[in-house]
Amino acid sequence: MILDNDQILELIKKPSNANIKQWQEEHTVLDLYYNGGDVASQLEQVQNYENASQKSLRDKIARSTKDFLSNLLNPKNKIFSASGYNVDIEISSQTALTNFKEHLDKLPEGISITKWMETYWNEAYVTDPNGVCFIEVENGQNPKAYPTYKSILTVHDYSLKWGVFDYVIFNYGKVLIDDKKEVKVYRVFDEQKDGLYYNDKEQLKEYIEPNKETSIINHNYGFVPAVLCSDIIDKKTNGRKSFINKIDEVLKEYMRDSSVHSIYKFLHGFPIFWRLTSKCTTCLGTGKITKKETQEKTKCPTCYGTGQKVTNDVSDSINIPIPKDGQPKITPDVAGYVQPDLETWQKQLDELNEMRKEMHFALWGTYTNENVKAETATARFIDEQPIQETLKNISTTAENIEQKLTEFQGKIMYKDLFKKASVRYGKRFLIETPDVLWEKYLHAKDKQSPISTLDYLYKQFLMAEYHNDNAMMQSKLNEFNLEPYPHYSLEDLQGIASIKQIQRKLLFCEWNSLQEVDYSNDFNKLKDDFDKYVNDNLEIPLEASQLN
């Protein structure tokens, strides 16, 4: 869509999208849940239970849900560490292709486009579903295009059809015109132009920045290089929903109940000390002391005239006379503590824990099993498959957005030379920790599972152990693939393998320990080196008994 001046003026005066304000309010709340902030704005006073001063105190000590959400959403980060990521780009010029790939590996911000997705889009998918991933272009000769994140708070209006933007209007800000009149300036971007405008007494005028001749750039892209941060459709507003839309109501209740528990701890978490009264050591229980100079009796400054001991010292003791015949024994009930209502305390914690489990199940279709062996050092998921399916959906969303952003950049920077781009994220998500995967592997080995199953589990363990070190992971995979019968020890092979096969296994252990093997080398070279070592050192077949 190409907007004319009359249309721009009308859209500045009244946005065509009536839901922008609602989406901005939703973003403010979601960002509070995710990043913390003014928690008090989301806490309501409990009528007939707390007064204004009590509500104010609860506001001060209440905390946000950002720590809980960080833990709850942690599996989502697995889409960026899953192996199998691939990008296929078609550009007519080989030089342009090389330059474009280098550009995507290091954007002007200094990070790759995938890292940009992890840094910006990953959060916006939760906090700002109706925000915009937008392609900006550097000024100057041979400018580079790069992705940016535009919060819905910066948006004045936009229009889409089937997910494709017709136009977008951003709030540029308030500026002084002729150093005397303040006006609101808007940035209008459609399929043809990118310019700054303001409304001056019902007339559309261009705002020209200092030291520039015009603010209107006729880019003639034929498209608006923008995509929404979420693809979860909101049927009521035709907008988009947050990834956590299923739990937003429970999350609000959780934050409220957490604040109630916090105020309970704050006001009632201290045991109250009590003891039988004893005489003040200064006035000996009279409540008065006599001044030496005037012999005048005045109020005791230690007990304030009560005659009872008020303050305590670590060396203080309570002297109790030995009871006479017929007198009750009062020790040890001479001092103690009034404990807070621990049953209520525990009930509040149990309720918060149940809500955490409820939200985890709503998002991921399962929850963690807290009754696992301590030696696993992690909680297992009751059922991993629902998490895998959810991560596949998130991964597909991420790769579609990254693909669109890549195509926008390619079309802007290389025009007709650029043909297309295809982005595919890996789908092998490592949900469980290396400890748990190793335990699964050992269990499968004990149960004599098929070799293909053992291979799969061992490779899963390696990918989890070295998921942040691709070079080391590849070296370990080379070592695993090169070792003869890696799932069996020499003792296991006796009786089921030939003497030559056993010797080959034995020679691998020897070659691996005596040689400085560089497993980062090409696998075929490693295999040739090992085969040569075997051929040079393989002995005449021995009797099986000689191997013991």
Protein backbone atom coordinates (compact mmCIF):
# COMPACT_ATOMS: atom_id res chain seq x y z
CA MET A 1 0.00 0.00 0.00
CA ILE A 2 1.17 3.52 -0.85
CA LEU A 3 -0.31 6.21 1.37
CA ASP A 4 -1.09 9.65 -0.01
CA ASN A 5 -0.90 12.82 2.09
CA ASP A 6 -4.61 12.86 2.93
CA GLN A 7 -4.45 9.26 4.16
CA ILE A 8 -1.35 9.97 6.23
CA LEU A 9 -3.02 12.99 7.87
CA GLU A 10 -6.13 10.97 8.76
CA LEU A 11 -4.07 8.08 10.18
CA ILE A 12 -1.99 10.48 12.27
CA LYS A 13 -5.16 12.02 13.66
CA LYS A 14 -6.93 8.68 14.20
CA PRO A 15 -5.17 5.29 13.84
CA SER A 16 -7.04 2.70 11.79
CA ASN A 17 -6.04 -0.02 14.28
CA ALA A 18 -8.16 0.51 17.38
CA ASN A 19 -6.35 -2.21 19.34
CA ILE A 20 -2.93 -0.55 19.59
CA LYS A 21 -3.62 0.97 23.01
CA GLN A 22 -4.87 -2.37 24.39
CA TRP A 23 -1.76 -4.15 23.07
CA GLN A 24 0.45 -1.51 24.67
CA GLU A 25 -1.21 -2.10 28.04
CA GLU A 26 -0.80 -5.87 27.65
CA HIS A 27 2.87 -5.41 26.83
CA THR A 28 3.41 -3.30 29.96
CA VAL A 29 1.97 -6.08 32.15
CA LEU A 30 3.82 -8.88 30.36
CA ASP A 31 7.10 -6.98 30.61
CA LEU A 32 6.51 -6.55 34.34
CA TYR A 33 6.05 -10.31 34.74
CA TYR A 34 9.18 -11.03 32.70
CA ASN A 35 11.61 -8.24 33.68
CA GLY A 36 10.20 -6.96 36.97
CA GLY A 37 9.33 -3.35 37.70
CA ASP A 38 6.39 -1.59 39.34
CA VAL A 39 4.78 -4.66 40.95
CA ALA A 40 2.46 -2.44 43.01
CA SER A 41 0.64 -1.38 39.84
CA GLN A 42 -0.70 -4.93 39.46
CA LEU A 43 -1.60 -5.54 43.10
CA GLU A 44 -5.12 -4.63 44.20
CA GLN A 45 -6.10 -3.76 47.76
CA VAL A 46 -7.94 -6.64 49.43
CA GLN A 47 -11.24 -5.11 50.47
CA ASN A 48 -12.38 -5.63 54.09
CA TYR A 49 -8.99 -7.14 54.93
CA GLU A 50 -6.27 -4.52 54.62
CA ASN A 51 -6.28 -0.75 54.90
CA ALA A 52 -4.34 1.72 52.76
CA SER A 53 -1.21 1.66 54.96
CA GLN A 54 -1.17 -2.16 55.00
CA LYS A 55 -1.54 -2.22 51.21
CA SER A 56 1.32 0.27 50.92
CA LEU A 57 3.56 -1.97 53.03
CA ARG A 58 2.67 -5.01 50.91
CA ASP A 59 3.52 -3.03 47.77
CA LYS A 60 6.98 -2.26 49.13
CA ILE A 61 7.97 -5.84 49.91
CA ALA A 62 6.21 -7.61 47.03
CA ARG A 63 8.46 -8.99 44.30
CA SER A 64 7.92 -9.70 40.63
CA THR A 65 7.69 -13.10 38.95
CA LYS A 66 10.83 -12.68 36.82
CA ASP A 67 12.81 -15.34 38.70
CA PHE A 68 9.98 -17.85 38.37
CA LEU A 69 9.40 -17.05 34.69
CA SER A 70 13.11 -17.38 33.96
CA ASN A 71 12.98 -20.93 35.27
CA LEU A 72 9.62 -21.74 33.68
CA LEU A 73 10.70 -20.56 30.22
CA ASN A 74 14.19 -22.05 30.35
CA PRO A 75 13.33 -24.97 27.98
CA LYS A 76 12.47 -22.39 25.29
CA ASN A 77 16.16 -21.49 25.00
CA LYS A 78 16.87 -25.01 23.74
CA ILE A 79 15.77 -24.06 20.22
CA PHE A 80 18.95 -22.02 19.83
CA SER A 81 21.29 -24.81 20.99
CA ALA A 82 19.66 -27.67 19.07
CA SER A 83 21.96 -29.18 16.46
CA GLY A 84 20.92 -29.14 12.81
CA TYR A 85 20.71 -25.38 12.11
CA ASN A 86 21.03 -24.64 8.38
CA VAL A 87 20.69 -21.59 6.10
CA ASP A 88 20.46 -21.84 2.31
CA ILE A 89 20.75 -18.55 0.36
CA GLU A 90 20.51 -18.03 -3.38
CA ILE A 91 22.20 -14.93 -4.86
CA SER A 92 23.27 -14.65 -8.49
CA SER A 93 26.71 -13.26 -7.62
CA GLN A 94 29.15 -15.46 -5.70
CA THR A 95 30.87 -12.37 -4.30
CA ALA A 96 27.55 -10.98 -3.13
CA LEU A 97 26.67 -14.36 -1.57
CA THR A 98 29.94 -14.43 0.38
CA ASN A 99 29.51 -10.84 1.55
CA PHE A 100 25.90 -11.42 2.58
CA LYS A 101 26.79 -14.50 4.62
CA GLU A 102 29.53 -12.52 6.36
CA HIS A 103 26.99 -9.77 7.03
CA LEU A 104 24.54 -12.23 8.61
CA ASP A 105 27.32 -13.68 10.75
CA LYS A 106 28.19 -10.21 12.03
CA LEU A 107 25.49 -7.59 11.88
CA PRO A 108 26.39 -3.92 12.53
CA GLU A 109 25.52 -4.61 16.17
CA GLY A 110 28.35 -7.16 16.26
CA ILE A 111 26.27 -10.34 16.59
CA SER A 112 24.90 -12.89 14.13
CA ILE A 113 21.28 -12.81 13.05
CA THR A 114 20.60 -16.00 15.01
CA LYS A 115 22.10 -14.42 18.12
CA TRP A 116 19.92 -11.38 17.43
CA MET A 117 16.89 -13.66 17.43
CA GLU A 118 17.97 -15.19 20.72
CA THR A 119 18.64 -11.79 22.29
CA TYR A 120 15.67 -9.73 21.07
CA TRP A 121 12.96 -11.88 19.52
CA ASN A 122 13.14 -14.57 22.19
CA GLU A 123 12.00 -12.08 24.85
CA ALA A 124 9.55 -10.21 22.62
CA TYR A 125 7.78 -13.51 21.84
CA VAL A 126 6.76 -13.50 25.51
CA THR A 127 6.48 -9.82 26.42
CA ASP A 128 5.51 -8.06 23.18
CA PRO A 129 3.60 -10.30 20.76
CA ASN A 130 2.32 -7.32 18.74
CA GLY A 131 5.71 -5.63 18.61
CA VAL A 132 7.57 -5.42 15.31
CA CYS A 133 10.83 -6.88 13.99
CA PHE A 134 11.78 -4.18 11.53
CA ILE A 135 14.64 -3.81 9.04
CA GLU A 136 16.56 -0.55 9.24
CA VAL A 137 19.13 0.61 6.68
CA GLU A 138 22.42 2.39 7.33
CA ASN A 139 23.08 5.74 5.70
CA GLY A 140 25.82 6.17 3.12
CA GLN A 141 27.08 4.36 0.03
CA ASN A 142 26.38 0.59 -0.16
CA PRO A 143 24.33 0.70 3.04
CA LYS A 144 23.77 -2.44 5.08
CA ALA A 145 20.31 -3.53 6.21
CA TYR A 146 19.91 -4.97 9.70
CA PRO A 147 17.08 -6.13 11.97
CA THR A 148 15.75 -4.08 14.89
CA TYR A 149 13.08 -4.65 17.49
CA LYS A 150 10.36 -1.98 17.74
CA SER A 151 8.26 -2.19 20.88
CA ILE A 152 4.50 -1.80 20.49
CA LEU A 153 4.95 1.27 22.75
CA THR A 154 6.70 3.01 19.82
CA VAL A 155 3.91 2.18 17.36
CA HIS A 156 1.18 4.67 16.49
CA ASP A 157 -0.58 2.53 13.90
CA TYR A 158 -0.09 -0.31 11.45
CA SER A 159 -2.11 -2.40 9.06
CA LEU A 160 -1.57 -6.00 7.95
CA LYS A 161 -3.20 -8.46 5.61
CA TRP A 162 -2.39 -12.16 6.00
CA GLY A 163 0.64 -11.25 8.07
CA VAL A 164 2.05 -8.83 5.45
CA PHE A 165 2.36 -5.17 6.46
CA ASP A 166 0.59 -2.53 4.35
CA TYR A 167 2.23 0.28 6.33
CA VAL A 168 3.53 1.10 9.79
CA ILE A 169 3.56 4.45 11.60
CA PHE A 170 5.95 4.95 14.51
CA ASN A 171 5.95 7.63 17.18
CA TYR A 172 9.04 9.70 16.43
CA GLY A 173 8.57 11.99 19.44
CA LYS A 174 7.83 15.59 20.31
CA VAL A 175 9.98 18.33 18.76
CA LEU A 176 10.09 22.11 18.72
CA ILE A 177 9.21 23.81 15.45
CA ASP A 178 10.87 27.19 14.92
CA ASP A 179 11.99 27.00 18.57
CA LYS A 180 8.54 27.90 19.82
CA LYS A 181 5.90 25.32 18.98
CA GLU A 182 6.01 21.70 20.17
CA VAL A 183 4.46 19.11 17.85
CA LYS A 184 4.25 15.31 17.72
CA VAL A 185 6.19 13.85 14.82
CA TYR A 186 5.42 10.47 13.24
CA ARG A 187 7.53 8.22 11.05
CA VAL A 188 5.48 6.78 8.19
CA PHE A 189 6.76 3.74 6.30
CA ASP A 190 4.86 2.20 3.38
CA GLU A 191 5.80 0.23 0.25
CA GLN A 192 7.28 3.30 -1.45
CA LYS A 193 8.60 5.80 1.10
CA ASP A 194 9.92 6.40 4.59
CA GLY A 195 9.31 9.90 5.97
CA LEU A 196 8.63 12.11 8.99
CA TYR A 197 5.38 14.09 9.26
CA TYR A 198 3.33 16.14 11.70
CA ASN A 199 -0.11 17.71 11.83
CA ASP A 200 -0.06 21.50 11.74
CA LYS A 201 -3.57 22.90 12.10
CA GLU A 202 -5.17 20.12 10.06
CA GLN A 203 -2.43 20.31 7.43
CA LEU A 204 0.16 17.59 6.87
CA LYS A 205 3.70 18.87 6.96
CA GLU A 206 7.06 17.20 6.58
CA TYR A 207 9.43 17.37 9.50
CA ILE A 208 13.00 17.93 8.35
CA GLU A 209 15.75 17.05 10.80
CA PRO A 210 18.58 19.57 11.38
CA ASN A 211 21.24 19.70 8.65
CA LYS A 212 19.07 17.77 6.21
CA GLU A 213 17.20 18.86 3.09
CA THR A 214 14.37 16.33 3.42
CA SER A 215 13.28 13.48 5.66
CA ILE A 216 11.40 11.55 2.97
CA ILE A 217 13.27 8.63 1.41
CA ASN A 218 11.71 7.04 -1.67
CA HIS A 219 13.05 3.51 -1.23
CA ASN A 220 10.58 1.84 -3.64
CA TYR A 221 11.04 -1.59 -2.02
CA GLY A 222 7.54 -2.64 -2.94
CA PHE A 223 7.11 -4.06 0.57
CA VAL A 224 7.33 -3.05 4.21
CA PRO A 225 10.28 -4.91 5.81
CA ALA A 226 8.51 -5.81 9.03
CA VAL A 227 7.13 -8.90 10.76
CA LEU A 228 5.21 -9.32 14.02
CA CYS A 229 7.01 -10.88 16.99
CA SER A 230 4.41 -13.62 17.47
CA ASP A 231 2.37 -15.86 15.20
CA ILE A 232 -0.19 -16.96 17.82
CA ILE A 233 -3.39 -15.41 16.48
CA ASP A 234 -5.78 -13.55 18.76
CA LYS A 235 -9.18 -14.11 17.17
CA LYS A 236 -10.79 -11.30 19.18
CA THR A 237 -8.49 -8.50 18.01
CA ASN A 238 -6.83 -10.11 14.94
CA GLY A 239 -3.59 -9.34 16.70
CA ARG A 240 -1.14 -11.76 18.25
CA LYS A 241 -0.92 -13.46 21.64
CA SER A 242 2.04 -13.95 23.92
CA PHE A 243 3.59 -17.38 24.31
CA ILE A 244 2.45 -17.26 27.97
CA ASN A 245 -1.13 -16.23 27.15
CA LYS A 246 -2.42 -19.49 28.65
CA ILE A 247 -1.12 -18.62 32.10
CA ASP A 248 -1.47 -14.83 32.32
CA GLU A 249 -4.41 -15.01 34.76
CA VAL A 250 -2.73 -17.63 36.97
CA LEU A 251 0.47 -15.59 36.85
CA LYS A 252 -1.36 -12.55 38.17
CA GLU A 253 -2.87 -14.63 40.98
CA TYR A 254 0.57 -16.10 41.72
CA MET A 255 2.10 -12.64 42.07
CA ARG A 256 -0.73 -11.55 44.38
CA ASP A 257 -0.50 -14.67 46.58
CA SER A 258 3.28 -14.35 46.67
CA SER A 259 2.91 -10.79 47.98
CA VAL A 260 0.47 -12.01 50.66
CA HIS A 261 3.00 -14.64 51.74
CA SER A 262 5.77 -12.03 51.78
CA ILE A 263 3.78 -9.71 54.05
CA TYR A 264 2.95 -12.66 56.31
CA LYS A 265 6.67 -13.46 56.66
CA PHE A 266 7.49 -9.81 57.22
CA LEU A 267 4.90 -9.22 59.96
CA HIS A 268 4.68 -12.63 61.62
CA GLY A 269 7.94 -14.37 60.76
CA PHE A 270 9.75 -13.45 63.98
CA PRO A 271 9.22 -15.62 67.08
CA ILE A 272 8.20 -13.49 70.09
CA PHE A 273 10.37 -13.93 73.18
CA TRP A 274 8.69 -14.17 76.57
CA ARG A 275 9.87 -14.80 80.15
CA LEU A 276 8.68 -14.51 83.70
CA THR A 277 9.15 -11.04 85.08
CA SER A 278 12.22 -10.31 87.20
CA LYS A 279 13.37 -7.33 89.21
CA CYS A 280 15.24 -4.48 87.59
CA THR A 281 18.88 -4.75 88.65
CA THR A 282 19.21 -0.95 88.92
CA CYS A 283 16.31 -0.09 91.26
CA LEU A 284 15.86 -3.61 92.70
CA GLY A 285 12.20 -3.60 91.75
CA THR A 286 11.18 -0.33 93.39
CA GLY A 287 10.95 1.63 90.17
CA LYS A 288 12.90 4.51 91.71
CA ILE A 289 16.46 5.42 92.48
CA THR A 290 17.90 7.84 95.06
CA LYS A 291 20.23 10.60 93.93
CA LYS A 292 23.33 10.65 96.11
CA GLU A 293 23.60 14.44 96.12
CA THR A 294 20.06 15.32 97.18
CA GLN A 295 18.72 11.97 98.38
CA GLU A 296 15.79 12.71 96.10
CA LYS A 297 13.97 9.71 94.65
CA THR A 298 13.44 9.74 90.88
CA LYS A 299 12.12 7.37 88.26
CA CYS A 300 14.53 4.57 87.41
CA PRO A 301 16.04 5.31 83.97
CA THR A 302 16.61 1.60 83.26
CA CYS A 303 13.10 0.19 83.74
CA TYR A 304 11.29 3.52 83.32
CA GLY A 305 9.66 3.14 86.72
CA THR A 306 8.15 -0.32 86.14
CA GLY A 307 10.49 -2.11 88.52
CA GLN A 308 10.82 -4.95 86.03
CA LYS A 309 13.77 -5.90 83.92
CA VAL A 310 13.32 -4.60 80.39
CA THR A 311 16.53 -5.25 78.45
CA ASN A 312 18.59 -8.41 78.13
CA ASP A 313 22.28 -9.10 78.08
CA VAL A 314 24.04 -12.27 76.93
CA SER A 315 25.45 -12.73 80.45
CA ASP A 316 22.06 -12.35 82.14
CA SER A 317 20.67 -15.25 84.12
CA ILE A 318 17.38 -15.94 85.87
CA ASN A 319 17.89 -17.09 89.45
CA ILE A 320 15.08 -19.30 90.68
CA PRO A 321 14.95 -20.35 94.35
CA ILE A 322 14.65 -24.02 95.18
CA PRO A 323 10.95 -24.75 95.71
CA LYS A 324 9.94 -25.61 99.25
CA ASP A 325 7.69 -28.47 100.18
CA GLY A 326 4.34 -28.09 98.49
CA GLN A 327 5.49 -25.39 96.09
CA PRO A 328 5.10 -26.16 92.35
CA LYS A 329 8.18 -26.56 90.19
CA ILE A 330 8.11 -23.87 87.50
CA THR A 331 11.27 -24.72 85.54
CA PRO A 332 11.82 -24.96 82.65
CA ASP A 333 8.74 -22.87 81.87
CA VAL A 334 10.34 -19.58 82.84
CA ALA A 335 11.10 -18.30 79.32
CA GLY A 336 10.47 -19.26 75.69
CA TYR A 337 9.23 -18.16 72.29
CA VAL A 338 5.77 -17.70 70.80
CA GLN A 339 6.10 -19.36 67.39
CA PRO A 340 4.24 -17.97 64.33
CA ASP A 341 1.47 -20.03 62.73
CA LEU A 342 3.67 -22.41 60.73
CA GLU A 343 0.67 -24.33 59.38
CA THR A 344 -0.57 -21.22 57.57
CA TRP A 345 2.97 -20.50 56.38
CA GLN A 346 3.33 -24.00 54.92
CA LYS A 347 -0.13 -23.91 53.36
CA GLN A 348 0.78 -20.70 51.51
CA LEU A 349 3.99 -22.31 50.21
CA ASP A 350 2.09 -25.42 49.11
CA GLU A 351 -0.45 -23.30 47.24
CA LEU A 352 2.30 -21.34 45.45
CA ASN A 353 4.00 -24.60 44.50
CA GLU A 354 0.75 -25.99 43.09
CA MET A 355 0.29 -22.87 40.97
CA ARG A 356 3.85 -23.24 39.65
CA LYS A 357 3.10 -26.83 38.62
CA GLU A 358 -0.21 -25.76 37.06
CA MET A 359 1.53 -23.12 34.93
CA HIS A 360 4.30 -25.50 33.93
CA PHE A 361 1.75 -28.05 32.75
CA ALA A 362 -0.27 -25.42 30.88
CA LEU A 363 2.80 -24.29 28.90
CA TRP A 364 4.69 -27.52 28.39
CA GLY A 365 2.12 -30.31 28.81
CA THR A 366 4.13 -31.87 31.65
CA TYR A 367 5.96 -30.96 34.84
CA THR A 368 9.11 -31.92 36.65
CA ASN A 369 9.23 -34.91 38.93
CA GLU A 370 10.61 -33.77 42.25
CA ASN A 371 10.85 -37.31 43.62
CA VAL A 372 13.93 -38.32 41.63
CA LYS A 373 17.20 -39.69 42.92
CA ALA A 374 19.44 -37.04 44.39
CA GLU A 375 22.45 -38.29 42.46
CA THR A 376 20.92 -37.22 39.14
CA ALA A 377 21.44 -33.61 40.30
CA THR A 378 18.39 -32.49 38.34
CA ALA A 379 14.65 -32.97 38.20
CA ARG A 380 13.33 -35.09 35.36
CA PHE A 381 10.27 -34.27 33.33
CA ILE A 382 7.41 -36.70 33.86
CA ASP A 383 6.90 -36.84 30.09
CA GLU A 384 9.41 -35.30 27.70
CA GLN A 385 7.39 -35.67 24.49
CA PRO A 386 4.98 -32.71 25.04
CA ILE A 387 7.97 -30.42 25.59
CA GLN A 388 9.56 -31.66 22.37
CA GLU A 389 6.37 -30.90 20.45
CA THR A 390 6.04 -27.42 21.95
CA LEU A 391 9.68 -26.64 21.19
CA LYS A 392 9.17 -27.73 17.58
CA ASN A 393 6.35 -25.21 17.25
CA ILE A 394 8.45 -22.41 18.77
CA SER A 395 11.40 -23.39 16.58
CA THR A 396 9.23 -23.24 13.45
CA THR A 397 8.04 -19.75 14.43
CA ALA A 398 11.62 -18.58 15.01
CA GLU A 399 12.92 -19.96 11.72
CA ASN A 400 10.04 -18.37 9.77
CA ILE A 401 10.74 -14.96 11.31
CA GLU A 402 14.49 -15.25 10.79
CA GLN A 403 13.88 -16.32 7.19
CA LYS A 404 11.69 -13.27 6.52
CA LEU A 405 14.24 -10.95 8.11
CA THR A 406 17.00 -12.56 6.04
CA GLU A 407 14.99 -12.16 2.82
CA PHE A 408 14.18 -8.52 3.62
CA GLN A 409 17.88 -7.77 4.10
CA GLY A 410 18.85 -9.65 0.94
CA LYS A 411 16.27 -7.85 -1.21
CA ILE A 412 17.22 -4.42 0.16
CA MET A 413 20.99 -4.90 -0.14
CA TYR A 414 21.22 -6.88 -3.42
CA LYS A 415 17.87 -6.20 -5.13
CA ASP A 416 17.43 -8.43 -8.21
CA LEU A 417 20.60 -10.41 -7.48
CA PHE A 418 18.91 -11.89 -4.43
CA LYS A 419 16.65 -14.86 -5.18
CA LYS A 420 15.57 -16.50 -1.92
CA ALA A 421 16.61 -17.73 1.51
CA SER A 422 15.68 -20.81 3.51
CA VAL A 423 16.30 -21.03 7.26
CA ARG A 424 15.91 -24.25 9.21
CA TYR A 425 16.49 -24.59 12.93
CA GLY A 426 17.66 -27.87 14.45
CA LYS A 427 14.97 -30.01 16.02
CA ARG A 428 17.13 -32.20 18.26
CA PHE A 429 16.39 -30.52 21.55
CA LEU A 430 18.44 -31.52 24.58
CA ILE A 431 15.89 -31.26 27.36
CA GLU A 432 17.67 -33.42 29.91
CA THR A 433 21.07 -32.84 31.48
CA PRO A 434 24.18 -34.94 30.73
CA ASP A 435 23.81 -36.70 34.11
CA VAL A 436 20.31 -37.92 33.30
CA LEU A 437 21.24 -38.93 29.73
CA TRP A 438 24.27 -40.87 30.97
CA GLU A 439 22.05 -42.70 33.46
CA LYS A 440 19.63 -43.55 30.64
CA TYR A 441 22.49 -44.87 28.54
CA LEU A 442 23.80 -47.09 31.37
CA HIS A 443 20.28 -48.38 32.06
CA ALA A 444 19.74 -49.24 28.38
CA LYS A 445 23.14 -50.95 28.30
CA ASP A 446 22.27 -53.04 31.37
CA LYS A 447 18.99 -54.04 29.72
CA GLN A 448 20.92 -55.10 26.56
CA SER A 449 19.07 -52.67 24.33
CA PRO A 450 19.74 -52.68 20.55
CA ILE A 451 23.01 -51.14 19.39
CA SER A 452 21.13 -48.44 17.48
CA THR A 453 19.46 -47.37 20.75
CA LEU A 454 22.78 -47.28 22.59
CA ASP A 455 24.33 -45.25 19.75
CA TYR A 456 21.47 -42.74 19.92
CA LEU A 457 21.62 -42.34 23.71
CA TYR A 458 25.40 -41.99 23.79
CA LYS A 459 25.34 -39.32 21.06
CA GLN A 460 22.58 -37.51 22.96
CA PHE A 461 24.83 -37.53 26.02
CA LEU A 462 27.75 -36.09 24.01
CA MET A 463 25.59 -33.33 22.52
CA ALA A 464 24.31 -32.38 25.98
CA GLU A 465 27.77 -32.49 27.55
CA TYR A 466 29.42 -30.36 24.87
CA HIS A 467 26.51 -28.33 23.48
CA ASN A 468 28.48 -25.11 24.04
CA ASP A 469 31.65 -26.47 22.43
CA ASN A 470 30.94 -27.76 18.92
CA ALA A 471 34.62 -28.52 18.23
CA MET A 472 34.96 -30.75 21.29
CA MET A 473 31.62 -32.44 20.55
CA GLN A 474 32.77 -33.29 17.01
CA SER A 475 36.08 -34.65 18.37
CA LYS A 476 34.25 -36.89 20.82
CA LEU A 477 31.90 -38.10 18.07
CA ASN A 478 34.91 -38.95 15.91
CA GLU A 479 36.44 -40.90 18.78
CA PHE A 480 33.18 -42.72 19.41
CA ASN A 481 32.66 -43.61 15.74
CA LEU A 482 36.25 -44.82 15.38
CA GLU A 483 36.38 -47.08 18.43
CA PRO A 484 35.55 -50.73 17.64
CA TYR A 485 32.49 -51.95 19.54
CA PRO A 486 32.34 -48.85 21.78
CA HIS A 487 29.56 -50.20 23.99
CA TYR A 488 31.50 -53.32 24.96
CA SER A 489 34.56 -53.88 27.15
CA LEU A 490 37.23 -56.44 26.26
CA GLU A 491 35.69 -58.81 28.78
CA ASP A 492 32.24 -58.41 27.18
CA LEU A 493 33.63 -59.36 23.75
CA GLN A 494 35.12 -62.68 24.82
CA GLY A 495 33.03 -65.51 23.55
CA ILE A 496 31.08 -63.38 21.04
CA ALA A 497 33.86 -61.80 18.94
CA SER A 498 36.77 -63.20 16.99
CA ILE A 499 40.33 -62.96 18.28
CA LYS A 500 41.11 -60.44 15.53
CA GLN A 501 38.16 -58.25 16.54
CA ILE A 502 39.23 -58.38 20.18
CA GLN A 503 42.80 -57.47 19.24
CA ARG A 504 41.51 -54.55 17.17
CA LYS A 505 39.64 -53.29 20.24
CA LEU A 506 42.78 -53.78 22.34
CA LEU A 507 44.93 -51.95 19.80
CA PHE A 508 42.51 -49.00 19.78
CA CYS A 509 42.96 -48.58 23.53
CA GLU A 510 46.73 -48.74 23.02
CA TRP A 511 46.70 -46.35 20.05
CA ASN A 512 44.47 -43.92 21.92
CA SER A 513 46.72 -43.81 24.99
CA LEU A 514 50.17 -43.91 23.34
CA GLN A 515 49.51 -41.65 20.38
CA GLU A 516 48.63 -37.96 20.60
CA VAL A 517 45.51 -38.39 18.54
CA ASP A 518 43.93 -35.18 17.25
CA TYR A 519 40.27 -36.10 16.90
CA SER A 520 39.49 -32.73 15.35
CA ASN A 521 41.03 -34.05 12.10
CA ASP A 522 38.94 -35.39 9.25
CA PHE A 523 37.33 -38.68 10.21
CA ASN A 524 38.60 -40.52 7.12
CA LYS A 525 42.17 -39.51 7.93
CA LEU A 526 41.75 -40.70 11.52
CA LYS A 527 40.39 -44.01 10.26
CA ASP A 528 43.32 -44.46 7.85
CA ASP A 529 45.82 -43.72 10.65
CA PHE A 530 44.18 -46.22 12.97
CA ASP A 531 43.92 -48.92 10.29
CA LYS A 532 47.63 -48.49 9.56
CA TYR A 533 48.44 -48.82 13.27
CA VAL A 534 46.37 -52.01 13.45
CA ASN A 535 48.02 -53.53 10.36
CA ASP A 536 51.48 -52.71 11.76
CA ASN A 537 50.79 -54.14 15.21
CA LEU A 538 48.25 -56.94 14.72
CA GLU A 539 49.78 -60.15 16.11
CA ILE A 540 49.25 -63.76 15.12
CA PRO A 541 45.83 -64.80 16.39
CA LEU A 542 46.01 -65.94 19.99
CA GLU A 543 43.96 -68.44 21.89
CA ALA A 544 41.12 -66.88 23.80
CA SER A 545 42.56 -68.08 27.08
CA GLN A 546 45.72 -66.06 26.44
CA LEU A 547 43.77 -62.81 26.55
CA ASN A 548 42.81 -63.28 30.22
